[in-house]
Amino acid sequence: MSDFSYTVEVHTPPTPEEMVFLYREAGWWGAENDFATAQKMLTNSFAVAVARSGGQVIGMMRAISDGVSDAYMLDLVVKKEFRRRGVGRAITEKLSRYLHQCGIEWIVLIGAPGTEKLYASCRDAKKMADHTPWRFFEE
């Protein structure tokens, strides 16, 4: 694919169908995950940054927040054919800037293994050397 143009915006989330397509293409979801689940995730997100090219959704990232002090950015996903072209970084930076504009100062994410280079390339992103992520499991 040669040069292409795209936009990233925060105020128009993807449809549940577009979200499910992206998640399934990334291998995150199987057939058991439905549109109702995606709709609930979108509805309960504080903000969703979406990249579009030629009218189609090519990537997205969600943020969960109290809207005042803290936010967690998660689920960065970009269609395979558009990866390694700056789309993921643009989505991450747009969402981070939006959260800062809302007055939120504590913005974090936990990157999957192999994403270190991507997030390190984002403006204003700093690895938190003094913090340890924790995951809680049901016993």
Protein backbone atom coordinates (compact mmCIF):
# COMPACT_ATOMS: atom_id res chain seq x y z
CA MET A 1 0.00 0.00 0.00
CA SER A 2 1.43 3.39 -0.96
CA ASP A 3 0.84 6.68 0.80
CA PHE A 4 -2.51 7.07 2.44
CA SER A 5 -4.24 9.71 4.49
CA TYR A 6 -6.14 9.24 7.69
CA THR A 7 -7.68 11.24 10.51
CA VAL A 8 -7.82 10.56 14.22
CA GLU A 9 -10.68 11.91 16.30
CA VAL A 10 -12.07 11.35 19.75
CA HIS A 11 -15.70 12.38 19.52
CA THR A 12 -17.05 9.76 17.10
CA PRO A 13 -16.55 6.20 18.39
CA PRO A 14 -16.64 3.19 16.10
CA THR A 15 -19.77 1.12 15.78
CA PRO A 16 -19.83 -2.10 17.78
CA GLU A 17 -19.46 -3.96 14.47
CA GLU A 18 -16.32 -2.00 13.56
CA MET A 19 -14.85 -2.62 17.01
CA VAL A 20 -15.57 -6.35 16.87
CA PHE A 21 -13.93 -6.56 13.42
CA LEU A 22 -10.76 -4.86 14.69
CA TYR A 23 -10.57 -7.03 17.81
CA ARG A 24 -11.15 -10.25 15.87
CA GLU A 25 -8.57 -9.32 13.22
CA ALA A 26 -6.05 -8.71 16.02
CA GLY A 27 -6.82 -12.17 17.44
CA TRP A 28 -8.24 -10.78 20.67
CA TRP A 29 -11.79 -12.03 20.23
CA GLY A 30 -13.40 -15.12 18.86
CA ALA A 31 -16.91 -15.78 17.58
CA GLU A 32 -18.29 -15.88 21.12
CA ASN A 33 -17.76 -12.13 21.55
CA ASP A 34 -20.75 -10.23 20.30
CA PHE A 35 -21.84 -6.74 19.34
CA ALA A 36 -23.71 -6.23 22.62
CA THR A 37 -20.46 -6.73 24.54
CA ALA A 38 -18.68 -4.24 22.30
CA GLN A 39 -21.50 -1.72 22.73
CA LYS A 40 -21.27 -1.99 26.51
CA MET A 41 -17.49 -1.50 26.37
CA LEU A 42 -17.87 1.58 24.17
CA THR A 43 -20.66 3.03 26.31
CA ASN A 44 -18.65 2.58 29.51
CA SER A 45 -15.46 4.10 28.07
CA PHE A 46 -14.68 7.70 28.98
CA ALA A 47 -13.24 8.37 25.51
CA VAL A 48 -12.39 6.46 22.34
CA ALA A 49 -9.86 7.68 19.77
CA VAL A 50 -10.56 6.38 16.27
CA ALA A 51 -8.44 6.49 13.11
CA ARG A 52 -10.30 6.51 9.81
CA SER A 53 -9.08 6.30 6.22
CA GLY A 54 -11.37 6.48 3.21
CA GLY A 55 -14.43 6.28 5.45
CA GLN A 56 -13.36 3.05 7.17
CA VAL A 57 -12.19 2.57 10.75
CA ILE A 58 -8.56 1.47 10.68
CA GLY A 59 -7.70 1.70 14.37
CA MET A 60 -8.85 2.70 17.84
CA MET A 61 -7.93 2.99 21.50
CA ARG A 62 -10.17 3.38 24.54
CA ALA A 63 -9.74 5.25 27.83
CA ILE A 64 -11.44 4.46 31.11
CA SER A 65 -11.52 7.34 33.58
CA ASP A 66 -13.25 9.07 36.45
CA GLY A 67 -13.08 12.19 34.26
CA VAL A 68 -11.24 14.17 36.92
CA SER A 69 -7.87 12.82 37.97
CA ASP A 70 -7.03 9.39 36.58
CA ALA A 71 -7.30 7.59 33.26
CA TYR A 72 -6.22 4.23 31.90
CA MET A 73 -5.67 3.90 28.15
CA LEU A 74 -6.18 0.43 26.71
CA ASP A 75 -6.87 -1.71 23.69
CA LEU A 76 -4.83 0.04 21.01
CA VAL A 77 -5.60 -1.84 17.81
CA VAL A 78 -4.81 -1.04 14.17
CA LYS A 79 -5.88 -3.03 11.10
CA LYS A 80 -2.99 -5.20 9.91
CA GLU A 81 -2.58 -3.46 6.55
CA PHE A 82 -2.08 -0.08 8.29
CA ARG A 83 0.38 -1.13 11.00
CA ARG A 84 3.93 0.25 11.24
CA ARG A 85 2.87 3.50 9.57
CA GLY A 86 2.45 5.77 12.59
CA VAL A 87 -1.27 5.18 13.05
CA GLY A 88 -0.96 3.59 16.51
CA ARG A 89 1.27 6.40 17.75
CA ALA A 90 -1.13 9.03 16.34
CA ILE A 91 -4.10 7.38 18.07
CA THR A 92 -2.24 7.14 21.39
CA GLU A 93 -1.05 10.74 21.27
CA LYS A 94 -4.50 12.07 20.28
CA LEU A 95 -6.19 10.22 23.14
CA SER A 96 -3.53 11.32 25.64
CA ARG A 97 -3.86 14.98 24.55
CA TYR A 98 -7.64 14.77 24.82
CA LEU A 99 -7.42 13.39 28.38
CA HIS A 100 -4.98 16.15 29.35
CA GLN A 101 -7.39 18.74 27.88
CA CYS A 102 -10.05 17.30 30.19
CA GLY A 103 -7.76 18.14 33.13
CA ILE A 104 -6.70 14.56 33.78
CA GLU A 105 -3.04 14.36 34.79
CA TRP A 106 -2.48 10.73 35.82
CA ILE A 107 -2.74 8.83 32.52
CA VAL A 108 -1.30 5.33 32.30
CA LEU A 109 -1.33 2.24 30.14
CA ILE A 110 0.24 -1.18 30.33
CA GLY A 111 1.74 -2.23 27.02
CA ALA A 112 1.81 -5.84 25.90
CA PRO A 113 5.24 -7.40 25.35
CA GLY A 114 6.74 -6.08 22.13
CA THR A 115 5.02 -2.68 22.27
CA GLU A 116 7.79 -0.89 24.14
CA LYS A 117 9.22 0.78 21.03
CA LEU A 118 5.80 2.07 19.96
CA TYR A 119 4.94 3.67 23.28
CA ALA A 120 8.48 5.01 23.79
CA SER A 121 8.08 6.89 20.48
CA CYS A 122 4.97 8.72 21.73
CA ARG A 123 5.33 12.34 22.70
CA ASP A 124 5.19 12.82 26.47
CA ALA A 125 5.27 9.06 27.21
CA LYS A 126 7.68 8.04 29.94
CA LYS A 127 8.32 4.54 31.26
CA MET A 128 7.45 4.37 34.95
CA ALA A 129 10.54 2.85 36.53
CA ASP A 130 9.26 3.30 40.08
CA HIS A 131 5.90 1.54 39.62
CA THR A 132 4.93 -2.08 39.26
CA PRO A 133 1.75 -3.12 37.43
CA TRP A 134 -0.44 -5.62 39.26
CA ARG A 135 -3.19 -7.86 38.00
CA PHE A 136 -5.89 -9.25 40.26
CA PHE A 137 -7.39 -12.67 39.63
CA GLU A 138 -10.48 -14.30 41.05
CA GLU A 139 -9.60 -17.19 43.36
